């Protein structure tokens, strides 16, 4: 485990140094892509367990909802908790695509659009 941490830190340092290194525009683009890729993996490694915990909590809550609200309500609770973004992509880090922690049910909007209703 310790070796893996050192390897990850080393990869991040190399990616950041490569991104800061002066060179041609093509080299900068490649270095930026590498840096965003490393950032995407690192962020996903932190984000995914938190998202999985939230999904698990939503599944448990859905089970408690079933006897009182029925199967439709239980499905909405589960799909809201487990829907949304699971992987943080480089495009999301660049701000080109949104990250939705919670998701809507089938055909339902999620996030801010659902809050405006």
Protein backbone atom coordinates (compact mmCIF):
# COMPACT_ATOMS: atom_id res chain seq x y z
CA UNK A 1 0.00 0.00 0.00
CA UNK A 2 2.84 2.35 0.85
CA UNK A 3 4.50 1.61 -2.49
CA UNK A 4 1.27 2.42 -4.33
CA UNK A 5 0.99 5.78 -2.53
CA UNK A 6 4.53 6.70 -3.49
CA UNK A 7 3.87 5.69 -7.06
CA UNK A 8 0.70 7.80 -7.21
CA UNK A 9 2.45 10.84 -5.70
CA UNK A 10 5.34 10.39 -8.10
CA UNK A 11 2.97 10.25 -11.06
CA UNK A 12 1.19 13.40 -9.97
CA UNK A 13 4.49 15.24 -9.46
CA UNK A 14 5.74 14.17 -12.89
CA UNK A 15 2.46 15.23 -14.51
CA UNK A 16 2.55 18.63 -12.82
CA UNK A 17 6.20 19.22 -13.69
CA UNK A 18 5.56 18.20 -17.28
CA UNK A 19 2.62 20.60 -17.46
CA UNK A 20 4.77 23.47 -16.17
CA UNK A 21 7.71 22.71 -18.46
CA UNK A 22 8.14 25.30 -21.25
CA UNK A 23 7.80 23.85 -24.74
CA UNK A 24 5.73 23.84 -27.86
CA UNK A 25 1.96 24.18 -27.85
CA UNK A 26 1.55 20.50 -28.72
CA UNK A 27 3.68 19.50 -25.74
CA UNK A 28 1.63 21.76 -23.45
CA UNK A 29 -1.59 20.25 -24.73
CA UNK A 30 -0.31 16.74 -24.11
CA UNK A 31 0.98 17.70 -20.68
CA UNK A 32 -2.34 19.31 -19.80
CA UNK A 33 -4.20 16.21 -20.97
CA UNK A 34 -1.97 14.07 -18.77
CA UNK A 35 -2.48 16.40 -15.80
CA UNK A 36 -6.27 16.38 -16.25
CA UNK A 37 -6.20 12.60 -16.62
CA UNK A 38 -4.25 12.20 -13.39
CA UNK A 39 -6.58 14.68 -11.69
CA UNK A 40 -9.59 12.78 -12.99
CA UNK A 41 -8.34 9.45 -11.61
CA UNK A 42 -7.34 10.98 -8.28
CA UNK A 43 -10.64 12.81 -7.87
CA UNK A 44 -12.62 9.71 -8.81
CA UNK A 45 -10.70 7.64 -6.24
CA UNK A 46 -11.91 10.06 -3.55
CA UNK A 47 -15.38 10.76 -4.98
CA UNK A 48 -16.49 7.20 -5.84
CA UNK A 49 -16.40 5.79 -2.27
CA UNK A 50 -18.38 8.79 -1.00
CA UNK A 51 -20.89 8.34 -3.82
CA UNK A 52 -21.11 4.59 -3.09
CA UNK A 53 -21.78 5.29 0.59
CA UNK A 54 -24.55 7.71 -0.36
CA UNK A 55 -26.03 5.14 -2.74
CA UNK A 56 -25.95 2.48 -0.03
CA UNK A 57 -27.67 4.86 2.38
CA UNK A 58 -30.28 5.57 -0.31
CA UNK A 59 -30.86 1.85 -0.82
CA UNK A 60 -31.42 1.35 2.91
CA UNK A 61 -33.73 4.35 3.03
CA UNK A 62 -35.57 3.00 0.00
CA UNK A 63 -36.18 -0.23 1.89
CA UNK A 64 -37.69 1.69 4.79
CA UNK A 65 -39.78 3.76 2.37
CA UNK A 66 -41.29 0.73 0.63
CA UNK A 67 -43.91 -0.22 3.28
CA UNK A 68 -45.03 3.38 3.79
CA UNK A 69 -44.75 4.97 0.35
CA UNK A 70 -45.06 2.01 -1.98
CA UNK A 71 -42.77 0.71 -4.70
CA UNK A 72 -42.89 3.86 -6.81
CA UNK A 73 -41.65 6.08 -4.00
CA UNK A 74 -39.02 3.54 -2.98
CA UNK A 75 -37.76 3.43 -6.58
CA UNK A 76 -37.54 7.22 -6.70
CA UNK A 77 -35.50 7.30 -3.49
CA UNK A 78 -33.11 4.61 -4.74
CA UNK A 79 -32.69 6.09 -8.22
CA UNK A 80 -32.10 9.56 -6.81
CA UNK A 81 -29.43 8.33 -4.40
CA UNK A 82 -27.70 6.01 -6.87
CA UNK A 83 -28.15 8.07 -10.03
CA UNK A 84 -25.95 10.88 -11.17
CA UNK A 85 -22.27 11.02 -11.94
CA UNK A 86 -20.06 8.19 -10.71
CA UNK A 87 -16.80 9.00 -12.54
CA UNK A 88 -15.16 12.43 -12.65
CA UNK A 89 -13.91 12.88 -16.20
CA UNK A 90 -11.29 15.36 -17.44
CA UNK A 91 -14.12 17.24 -19.19
CA UNK A 92 -15.86 17.66 -15.84
CA UNK A 93 -12.66 19.01 -14.29
CA UNK A 94 -12.39 21.51 -17.15
CA UNK A 95 -16.00 22.60 -16.52
CA UNK A 96 -17.30 21.29 -19.84
CA UNK A 97 -19.73 18.81 -18.31
CA UNK A 98 -21.61 18.90 -15.02
CA UNK A 99 -21.15 16.60 -12.06
CA UNK A 100 -24.46 15.50 -10.53
CA UNK A 101 -24.10 13.96 -7.09
CA UNK A 102 -27.75 12.91 -7.08
CA UNK A 103 -29.73 11.76 -10.08
CA UNK A 104 -33.36 11.90 -11.05
CA UNK A 105 -35.58 8.95 -11.78
CA UNK A 106 -36.33 7.77 -15.28
CA UNK A 107 -36.92 10.85 -17.42
CA UNK A 108 -36.82 13.21 -14.45
CA UNK A 109 -34.41 16.13 -14.28
CA UNK A 110 -31.76 16.07 -11.60
CA UNK A 111 -29.93 18.68 -9.57
CA UNK A 112 -30.96 22.30 -9.90
CA UNK A 113 -33.60 21.67 -12.57
CA UNK A 114 -35.49 19.42 -10.16
CA UNK A 115 -35.19 22.01 -7.37
CA UNK A 116 -36.82 24.71 -9.53
CA UNK A 117 -39.99 22.64 -10.00
